[in-house]
N, C-alpha and C. Protein backbone atom coordinates (compact mmCIF):
# COMPACT_ATOMS: atom_id res chain seq x y z
N MET A 1 0.84 -1.18 0.00
CA MET A 1 0.00 0.00 0.00
C MET A 1 0.89 1.24 0.00
N ILE A 2 0.55 2.19 -0.83
CA ILE A 2 1.26 3.47 -0.88
C ILE A 2 0.32 4.52 -0.32
N ARG A 3 0.84 5.32 0.59
CA ARG A 3 0.04 6.37 1.23
C ARG A 3 0.94 7.53 1.63
N LYS A 4 0.31 8.65 1.93
CA LYS A 4 1.08 9.81 2.38
C LYS A 4 1.72 9.50 3.73
N ALA A 5 2.92 9.98 3.90
CA ALA A 5 3.68 9.73 5.12
C ALA A 5 3.12 10.53 6.29
N THR A 6 3.28 9.96 7.48
CA THR A 6 2.93 10.64 8.73
C THR A 6 4.16 10.65 9.63
N VAL A 7 4.05 11.34 10.72
CA VAL A 7 5.17 11.41 11.67
C VAL A 7 5.54 10.01 12.18
N LEU A 8 4.59 9.10 12.23
CA LEU A 8 4.86 7.75 12.70
C LEU A 8 5.75 6.97 11.74
N ASP A 9 5.82 7.40 10.50
CA ASP A 9 6.65 6.74 9.49
C ASP A 9 8.11 7.20 9.50
N LEU A 10 8.38 8.27 10.20
CA LEU A 10 9.71 8.88 10.11
C LEU A 10 10.84 7.98 10.59
N PRO A 11 10.69 7.17 11.66
CA PRO A 11 11.80 6.28 12.01
C PRO A 11 12.18 5.32 10.88
N ALA A 12 11.20 4.79 10.17
CA ALA A 12 11.50 3.88 9.06
C ALA A 12 12.12 4.64 7.89
N VAL A 13 11.61 5.82 7.59
CA VAL A 13 12.18 6.64 6.52
C VAL A 13 13.63 6.98 6.86
N LYS A 14 13.87 7.32 8.11
CA LYS A 14 15.23 7.62 8.57
C LYS A 14 16.15 6.41 8.39
N GLU A 15 15.68 5.25 8.76
CA GLU A 15 16.49 4.03 8.62
C GLU A 15 16.83 3.75 7.17
N ILE A 16 15.84 3.87 6.29
CA ILE A 16 16.06 3.61 4.86
C ILE A 16 17.06 4.61 4.29
N TYR A 17 16.85 5.88 4.59
CA TYR A 17 17.73 6.91 4.01
C TYR A 17 19.15 6.80 4.57
N ASN A 18 19.27 6.66 5.88
CA ASN A 18 20.60 6.61 6.47
C ASN A 18 21.38 5.38 6.03
N TYR A 19 20.70 4.29 5.73
CA TYR A 19 21.39 3.13 5.14
C TYR A 19 22.00 3.55 3.80
N ALA A 20 21.21 4.25 2.98
CA ALA A 20 21.71 4.70 1.68
C ALA A 20 22.88 5.66 1.84
N VAL A 21 22.81 6.53 2.84
CA VAL A 21 23.90 7.47 3.10
C VAL A 21 25.20 6.72 3.38
N LEU A 22 25.11 5.71 4.23
CA LEU A 22 26.32 5.02 4.67
C LEU A 22 26.83 3.95 3.72
N ASN A 23 25.97 3.48 2.81
CA ASN A 23 26.35 2.31 2.01
C ASN A 23 26.23 2.45 0.50
N THR A 24 25.69 3.55 0.01
CA THR A 24 25.47 3.68 -1.43
C THR A 24 25.87 5.06 -1.92
N THR A 25 25.87 5.18 -3.24
CA THR A 25 26.07 6.50 -3.86
C THR A 25 24.75 7.06 -4.38
N ALA A 26 23.64 6.50 -3.93
CA ALA A 26 22.33 6.99 -4.35
C ALA A 26 22.07 8.40 -3.81
N THR A 27 22.72 8.74 -2.73
CA THR A 27 22.65 10.09 -2.19
C THR A 27 24.07 10.61 -2.01
N TYR A 28 24.24 11.89 -2.14
CA TYR A 28 25.56 12.47 -1.94
C TYR A 28 25.75 12.95 -0.51
N ASP A 29 24.77 12.69 0.37
CA ASP A 29 25.00 12.91 1.78
C ASP A 29 26.05 11.92 2.25
N ILE A 30 26.88 12.33 3.16
CA ILE A 30 27.94 11.48 3.69
C ILE A 30 27.65 11.08 5.13
N ASN A 31 27.04 11.98 5.88
CA ASN A 31 26.75 11.73 7.28
C ASN A 31 25.26 11.44 7.47
N PRO A 32 24.94 10.46 8.31
CA PRO A 32 23.53 10.14 8.59
C PRO A 32 22.79 11.36 9.13
N LYS A 33 21.50 11.39 8.89
CA LYS A 33 20.67 12.51 9.31
C LYS A 33 19.96 12.17 10.62
N ASP A 34 19.69 13.20 11.42
CA ASP A 34 19.04 13.00 12.71
C ASP A 34 17.52 13.14 12.60
N ASP A 35 16.86 12.93 13.72
CA ASP A 35 15.39 12.98 13.75
C ASP A 35 14.85 14.32 13.26
N LYS A 36 15.50 15.41 13.65
CA LYS A 36 15.03 16.75 13.25
C LYS A 36 14.99 16.88 11.73
N TYR A 37 15.99 16.33 11.06
CA TYR A 37 16.04 16.39 9.60
C TYR A 37 14.76 15.81 9.00
N PHE A 38 14.32 14.69 9.54
CA PHE A 38 13.15 14.01 8.96
C PHE A 38 11.85 14.68 9.36
N VAL A 39 11.79 15.27 10.54
CA VAL A 39 10.62 16.07 10.92
C VAL A 39 10.51 17.26 9.98
N ASP A 40 11.64 17.93 9.74
CA ASP A 40 11.65 19.06 8.80
C ASP A 40 11.24 18.60 7.40
N MET A 41 11.73 17.43 7.00
CA MET A 41 11.38 16.89 5.68
C MET A 41 9.86 16.71 5.56
N LEU A 42 9.27 16.12 6.57
CA LEU A 42 7.82 15.92 6.54
C LEU A 42 7.09 17.25 6.45
N ASN A 43 7.54 18.22 7.23
CA ASN A 43 6.90 19.54 7.23
C ASN A 43 7.06 20.27 5.90
N GLU A 44 8.15 20.01 5.19
CA GLU A 44 8.38 20.64 3.89
C GLU A 44 7.57 19.99 2.78
N HIS A 45 7.06 18.81 3.03
CA HIS A 45 6.32 18.07 2.01
C HIS A 45 4.81 18.12 2.30
N THR A 46 4.32 19.33 2.33
CA THR A 46 2.89 19.57 2.50
C THR A 46 2.40 20.33 1.28
N GLY A 47 1.11 20.52 1.19
CA GLY A 47 0.57 21.24 0.04
C GLY A 47 0.84 20.48 -1.24
N LYS A 48 1.51 21.12 -2.18
CA LYS A 48 1.75 20.48 -3.47
C LYS A 48 2.91 19.48 -3.44
N TYR A 49 3.72 19.52 -2.41
CA TYR A 49 4.86 18.60 -2.31
C TYR A 49 4.44 17.32 -1.60
N LEU A 50 5.10 16.22 -1.93
CA LEU A 50 4.64 14.91 -1.50
C LEU A 50 5.74 14.12 -0.81
N LEU A 51 5.38 13.48 0.27
CA LEU A 51 6.21 12.45 0.88
C LEU A 51 5.27 11.28 1.13
N ALA A 52 5.50 10.18 0.42
CA ALA A 52 4.64 9.01 0.52
C ALA A 52 5.49 7.79 0.83
N VAL A 53 4.86 6.82 1.49
CA VAL A 53 5.57 5.61 1.88
C VAL A 53 4.90 4.38 1.29
N TYR A 54 5.69 3.35 1.14
CA TYR A 54 5.21 2.03 0.71
C TYR A 54 5.19 1.18 1.97
N GLU A 55 3.99 0.75 2.33
CA GLU A 55 3.82 -0.06 3.54
C GLU A 55 3.47 -1.49 3.15
N ASP A 56 4.15 -2.44 3.77
CA ASP A 56 3.92 -3.86 3.53
C ASP A 56 3.80 -4.56 4.88
N ASN A 57 2.63 -5.13 5.14
CA ASN A 57 2.39 -5.82 6.43
C ASN A 57 2.73 -4.93 7.62
N GLY A 58 2.37 -3.67 7.55
CA GLY A 58 2.58 -2.75 8.66
C GLY A 58 3.97 -2.15 8.74
N ASN A 59 4.84 -2.49 7.80
CA ASN A 59 6.22 -1.98 7.81
C ASN A 59 6.46 -1.08 6.61
N VAL A 60 7.04 0.08 6.86
CA VAL A 60 7.43 0.98 5.78
C VAL A 60 8.74 0.46 5.20
N ILE A 61 8.70 0.15 3.89
CA ILE A 61 9.89 -0.42 3.24
C ILE A 61 10.38 0.42 2.06
N GLY A 62 9.76 1.56 1.85
CA GLY A 62 10.21 2.46 0.80
C GLY A 62 9.49 3.80 0.90
N TYR A 63 10.04 4.79 0.25
CA TYR A 63 9.36 6.09 0.22
C TYR A 63 9.74 6.84 -1.04
N VAL A 64 8.88 7.79 -1.37
CA VAL A 64 9.09 8.65 -2.52
C VAL A 64 8.77 10.08 -2.12
N ALA A 65 9.52 11.02 -2.70
CA ALA A 65 9.28 12.43 -2.42
C ALA A 65 9.23 13.23 -3.71
N LEU A 66 8.31 14.15 -3.75
CA LEU A 66 8.30 15.22 -4.74
C LEU A 66 8.64 16.47 -3.95
N SER A 67 9.83 16.97 -4.16
CA SER A 67 10.36 18.07 -3.36
C SER A 67 10.50 19.33 -4.18
N ARG A 68 10.64 20.42 -3.47
CA ARG A 68 10.88 21.70 -4.13
C ARG A 68 12.20 21.59 -4.90
N TYR A 69 12.17 21.93 -6.17
CA TYR A 69 13.36 21.85 -7.00
C TYR A 69 14.31 23.01 -6.71
N SER A 70 13.75 24.18 -6.51
CA SER A 70 14.55 25.37 -6.23
C SER A 70 13.69 26.36 -5.46
N LYS A 71 14.32 27.20 -4.68
CA LYS A 71 13.58 28.24 -3.95
C LYS A 71 13.19 29.40 -4.85
N ARG A 72 13.72 29.44 -6.04
CA ARG A 72 13.37 30.52 -6.98
C ARG A 72 11.96 30.28 -7.51
N ASP A 73 11.14 31.29 -7.45
CA ASP A 73 9.70 31.17 -7.73
C ASP A 73 9.36 30.59 -9.09
N ALA A 74 10.13 30.91 -10.09
CA ALA A 74 9.80 30.45 -11.44
C ALA A 74 9.86 28.92 -11.56
N TYR A 75 10.58 28.28 -10.63
CA TYR A 75 10.68 26.82 -10.64
C TYR A 75 9.50 26.13 -9.93
N ASP A 76 8.50 26.86 -9.51
CA ASP A 76 7.39 26.25 -8.78
C ASP A 76 6.63 25.21 -9.60
N ILE A 77 6.83 25.19 -10.90
CA ILE A 77 6.16 24.20 -11.76
C ILE A 77 6.97 22.91 -11.87
N THR A 78 8.13 22.88 -11.20
CA THR A 78 9.04 21.74 -11.27
C THR A 78 9.25 21.14 -9.89
N ALA A 79 9.27 19.81 -9.83
CA ALA A 79 9.55 19.11 -8.58
C ALA A 79 10.72 18.17 -8.79
N GLU A 80 11.45 17.90 -7.73
CA GLU A 80 12.52 16.91 -7.77
C GLU A 80 12.00 15.61 -7.18
N LEU A 81 12.19 14.53 -7.90
CA LEU A 81 11.75 13.21 -7.48
C LEU A 81 12.90 12.47 -6.81
N SER A 82 12.60 11.88 -5.66
CA SER A 82 13.55 11.00 -4.96
C SER A 82 12.81 9.76 -4.53
N VAL A 83 13.44 8.61 -4.68
CA VAL A 83 12.82 7.35 -4.27
C VAL A 83 13.88 6.46 -3.63
N TYR A 84 13.51 5.88 -2.51
CA TYR A 84 14.41 4.99 -1.77
C TYR A 84 13.62 3.76 -1.31
N VAL A 85 14.26 2.61 -1.41
CA VAL A 85 13.65 1.34 -0.99
C VAL A 85 14.61 0.65 -0.03
N LYS A 86 14.07 0.10 1.02
CA LYS A 86 14.87 -0.62 2.01
C LYS A 86 15.75 -1.65 1.32
N ASN A 87 16.99 -1.73 1.75
CA ASN A 87 17.98 -2.55 1.07
C ASN A 87 17.54 -4.00 0.87
N ASP A 88 16.96 -4.62 1.88
CA ASP A 88 16.59 -6.03 1.75
C ASP A 88 15.24 -6.23 1.05
N CYS A 89 14.70 -5.16 0.51
CA CYS A 89 13.43 -5.24 -0.23
C CYS A 89 13.60 -4.84 -1.69
N GLN A 90 14.85 -4.74 -2.14
CA GLN A 90 15.14 -4.38 -3.54
C GLN A 90 14.62 -5.47 -4.48
N ASN A 91 14.44 -5.11 -5.73
CA ASN A 91 14.05 -6.04 -6.80
C ASN A 91 12.66 -6.63 -6.61
N ARG A 92 11.77 -5.88 -5.97
CA ARG A 92 10.38 -6.30 -5.82
C ARG A 92 9.43 -5.32 -6.51
N HIS A 93 9.97 -4.44 -7.33
CA HIS A 93 9.21 -3.44 -8.09
C HIS A 93 8.56 -2.39 -7.20
N ILE A 94 9.08 -2.22 -6.00
CA ILE A 94 8.55 -1.21 -5.08
C ILE A 94 8.89 0.18 -5.59
N GLY A 95 10.12 0.37 -6.05
CA GLY A 95 10.51 1.66 -6.61
C GLY A 95 9.66 2.03 -7.80
N THR A 96 9.35 1.05 -8.63
CA THR A 96 8.49 1.28 -9.79
C THR A 96 7.13 1.79 -9.35
N GLN A 97 6.56 1.14 -8.36
CA GLN A 97 5.23 1.54 -7.87
C GLN A 97 5.27 2.92 -7.23
N LEU A 98 6.33 3.20 -6.50
CA LEU A 98 6.45 4.52 -5.86
C LEU A 98 6.59 5.63 -6.89
N ILE A 99 7.38 5.41 -7.93
CA ILE A 99 7.53 6.43 -8.97
C ILE A 99 6.20 6.62 -9.69
N GLU A 100 5.53 5.54 -10.02
CA GLU A 100 4.24 5.65 -10.70
C GLU A 100 3.26 6.46 -9.86
N TYR A 101 3.20 6.21 -8.57
CA TYR A 101 2.33 6.95 -7.67
C TYR A 101 2.70 8.44 -7.67
N ALA A 102 3.98 8.72 -7.53
CA ALA A 102 4.43 10.12 -7.47
C ALA A 102 4.12 10.86 -8.76
N LEU A 103 4.30 10.21 -9.91
CA LEU A 103 4.03 10.87 -11.18
C LEU A 103 2.53 11.14 -11.35
N GLN A 104 1.70 10.24 -10.88
CA GLN A 104 0.25 10.47 -10.92
C GLN A 104 -0.09 11.67 -10.04
N GLU A 105 0.50 11.73 -8.86
CA GLU A 105 0.25 12.86 -7.96
C GLU A 105 0.77 14.17 -8.57
N ALA A 106 1.91 14.11 -9.23
CA ALA A 106 2.50 15.31 -9.83
C ALA A 106 1.59 15.92 -10.89
N GLN A 107 0.82 15.07 -11.57
CA GLN A 107 -0.04 15.54 -12.65
C GLN A 107 -1.41 16.02 -12.18
N LYS A 108 -1.81 15.65 -10.97
CA LYS A 108 -3.13 16.04 -10.47
C LYS A 108 -3.25 17.55 -10.43
N ASN A 109 -4.30 18.06 -11.00
CA ASN A 109 -4.57 19.50 -11.01
C ASN A 109 -3.40 20.32 -11.52
N ASN A 110 -2.65 19.74 -12.46
CA ASN A 110 -1.47 20.42 -13.01
C ASN A 110 -0.53 20.89 -11.91
N ARG A 111 -0.38 20.05 -10.90
CA ARG A 111 0.48 20.38 -9.75
C ARG A 111 1.88 20.76 -10.22
N PHE A 112 2.44 19.93 -11.12
CA PHE A 112 3.77 20.21 -11.68
C PHE A 112 3.73 19.95 -13.18
N LEU A 113 4.55 20.68 -13.92
CA LEU A 113 4.67 20.46 -15.35
C LEU A 113 5.93 19.67 -15.69
N THR A 114 6.88 19.66 -14.76
CA THR A 114 8.14 18.95 -14.96
C THR A 114 8.57 18.29 -13.66
N VAL A 115 9.09 17.08 -13.78
CA VAL A 115 9.69 16.37 -12.65
C VAL A 115 11.13 16.06 -13.04
N VAL A 116 12.05 16.35 -12.13
CA VAL A 116 13.48 16.18 -12.36
C VAL A 116 14.03 15.16 -11.36
N SER A 117 14.94 14.32 -11.82
CA SER A 117 15.68 13.42 -10.94
C SER A 117 17.16 13.60 -11.19
N LEU A 118 17.91 13.71 -10.12
CA LEU A 118 19.36 13.77 -10.19
C LEU A 118 19.87 12.40 -9.76
N ILE A 119 20.51 11.68 -10.69
CA ILE A 119 20.87 10.29 -10.47
C ILE A 119 22.38 10.13 -10.64
N THR A 120 23.01 9.46 -9.69
CA THR A 120 24.43 9.16 -9.82
C THR A 120 24.66 8.45 -11.16
N SER A 121 25.62 8.93 -11.91
CA SER A 121 25.84 8.44 -13.27
C SER A 121 26.04 6.93 -13.35
N GLU A 122 26.57 6.33 -12.31
CA GLU A 122 26.82 4.89 -12.31
C GLU A 122 25.60 4.06 -11.88
N ASN A 123 24.51 4.72 -11.49
CA ASN A 123 23.33 4.01 -10.99
C ASN A 123 22.46 3.56 -12.16
N GLU A 124 22.90 2.52 -12.83
CA GLU A 124 22.22 2.05 -14.04
C GLU A 124 20.79 1.60 -13.78
N HIS A 125 20.56 1.01 -12.64
CA HIS A 125 19.20 0.54 -12.32
C HIS A 125 18.23 1.72 -12.24
N SER A 126 18.61 2.77 -11.54
CA SER A 126 17.74 3.93 -11.41
C SER A 126 17.55 4.63 -12.76
N ILE A 127 18.61 4.71 -13.54
CA ILE A 127 18.50 5.33 -14.86
C ILE A 127 17.54 4.53 -15.73
N TYR A 128 17.68 3.22 -15.73
CA TYR A 128 16.78 2.36 -16.50
C TYR A 128 15.33 2.56 -16.05
N LEU A 129 15.13 2.58 -14.74
CA LEU A 129 13.78 2.75 -14.20
C LEU A 129 13.16 4.07 -14.64
N HIS A 130 13.91 5.13 -14.56
CA HIS A 130 13.39 6.44 -14.98
C HIS A 130 13.06 6.46 -16.48
N LYS A 131 13.91 5.85 -17.27
CA LYS A 131 13.63 5.80 -18.71
C LYS A 131 12.33 5.05 -19.00
N GLN A 132 12.02 4.04 -18.19
CA GLN A 132 10.78 3.29 -18.37
C GLN A 132 9.55 4.18 -18.19
N PHE A 133 9.71 5.25 -17.43
CA PHE A 133 8.61 6.19 -17.21
C PHE A 133 8.68 7.40 -18.14
N GLY A 134 9.54 7.34 -19.13
CA GLY A 134 9.60 8.41 -20.12
C GLY A 134 10.49 9.59 -19.74
N PHE A 135 11.30 9.42 -18.71
CA PHE A 135 12.24 10.49 -18.37
C PHE A 135 13.30 10.58 -19.48
N GLU A 136 13.72 11.79 -19.77
CA GLU A 136 14.72 12.04 -20.79
C GLU A 136 16.02 12.50 -20.14
N PHE A 137 17.13 12.14 -20.77
CA PHE A 137 18.44 12.56 -20.30
C PHE A 137 18.61 14.05 -20.57
N GLY A 138 18.94 14.80 -19.52
CA GLY A 138 19.10 16.24 -19.67
C GLY A 138 20.53 16.71 -19.56
N GLY A 139 21.44 15.80 -19.24
CA GLY A 139 22.85 16.18 -19.15
C GLY A 139 23.55 15.50 -18.00
N ARG A 140 24.86 15.62 -18.01
CA ARG A 140 25.69 15.01 -16.97
C ARG A 140 26.62 16.07 -16.41
N ILE A 141 26.74 16.07 -15.10
CA ILE A 141 27.73 16.89 -14.42
C ILE A 141 28.82 15.95 -13.95
N LYS A 142 29.97 16.01 -14.60
CA LYS A 142 31.09 15.16 -14.22
C LYS A 142 31.70 15.68 -12.92
N ASN A 143 32.22 14.75 -12.13
CA ASN A 143 32.89 15.11 -10.88
C ASN A 143 32.04 16.02 -10.01
N ALA A 144 30.76 15.69 -9.88
CA ALA A 144 29.84 16.51 -9.09
C ALA A 144 29.95 16.24 -7.60
N GLY A 145 30.42 15.04 -7.24
CA GLY A 145 30.52 14.69 -5.83
C GLY A 145 31.71 13.80 -5.57
N PHE A 146 32.06 13.68 -4.29
CA PHE A 146 33.16 12.83 -3.87
C PHE A 146 32.69 12.02 -2.68
N LYS A 147 32.62 10.71 -2.86
CA LYS A 147 32.12 9.83 -1.80
C LYS A 147 32.81 8.48 -1.94
N PHE A 148 33.08 7.85 -0.82
CA PHE A 148 33.77 6.56 -0.80
C PHE A 148 35.10 6.64 -1.55
N ASP A 149 35.80 7.75 -1.36
CA ASP A 149 37.13 7.97 -1.94
C ASP A 149 37.16 7.96 -3.46
N ARG A 150 36.08 8.42 -4.06
CA ARG A 150 36.10 8.52 -5.52
C ARG A 150 35.18 9.63 -6.00
N LEU A 151 35.48 10.14 -7.18
CA LEU A 151 34.67 11.17 -7.81
C LEU A 151 33.44 10.54 -8.46
N LEU A 152 32.32 11.23 -8.36
CA LEU A 152 31.06 10.75 -8.92
C LEU A 152 30.44 11.81 -9.80
N GLY A 153 29.82 11.34 -10.86
CA GLY A 153 29.05 12.23 -11.72
C GLY A 153 27.58 12.11 -11.40
N VAL A 154 26.82 13.10 -11.82
CA VAL A 154 25.38 13.06 -11.63
C VAL A 154 24.70 13.32 -12.97
N ASP A 155 23.73 12.49 -13.29
CA ASP A 155 22.94 12.65 -14.51
C ASP A 155 21.62 13.31 -14.17
N ILE A 156 21.20 14.19 -15.02
CA ILE A 156 19.93 14.88 -14.86
C ILE A 156 18.91 14.24 -15.81
N TYR A 157 17.83 13.76 -15.23
CA TYR A 157 16.72 13.20 -16.01
C TYR A 157 15.48 14.02 -15.70
N TYR A 158 14.65 14.22 -16.72
CA TYR A 158 13.45 15.01 -16.51
C TYR A 158 12.29 14.43 -17.31
N LYS A 159 11.11 14.73 -16.83
CA LYS A 159 9.88 14.32 -17.52
C LYS A 159 8.96 15.52 -17.53
N ASN A 160 8.46 15.87 -18.73
CA ASN A 160 7.48 16.93 -18.88
C ASN A 160 6.10 16.31 -19.06
N PHE A 161 5.10 16.97 -18.54
CA PHE A 161 3.71 16.51 -18.69
C PHE A 161 2.99 17.38 -19.70
């Protein structure tokens, strides 16, 4: 079941995200985030912005966010998409379902005209998944980040409605 996140979901969201911080290049954060970070995240995802979770048998095992792309007003028609799935729940099409849900929400009442994802250039699975939803390659920033003692690039993918 996919539903909007509540404060009760934040410990699971924190666990999923902090695992990615410490073990993957899916995020360019290096240090785990504290409880306040996730409370602020929930508060920032109100109104047109979305934070939704994938719940399975009472456990949150993934989440998706449509976040503010930029604080500059002209970008209000654009959202940044982020999706994370618990490590031991990968390859169950949960990310696919979360992206599909988020894109449907993004289109409701013309909430957004464009959705952008910033994906580590080496993350072939995420790139493939985004392409399945019609995201287009918008460019690559080489050497955009440094994590796990190596330089990383970031690819920009976008979808217009």
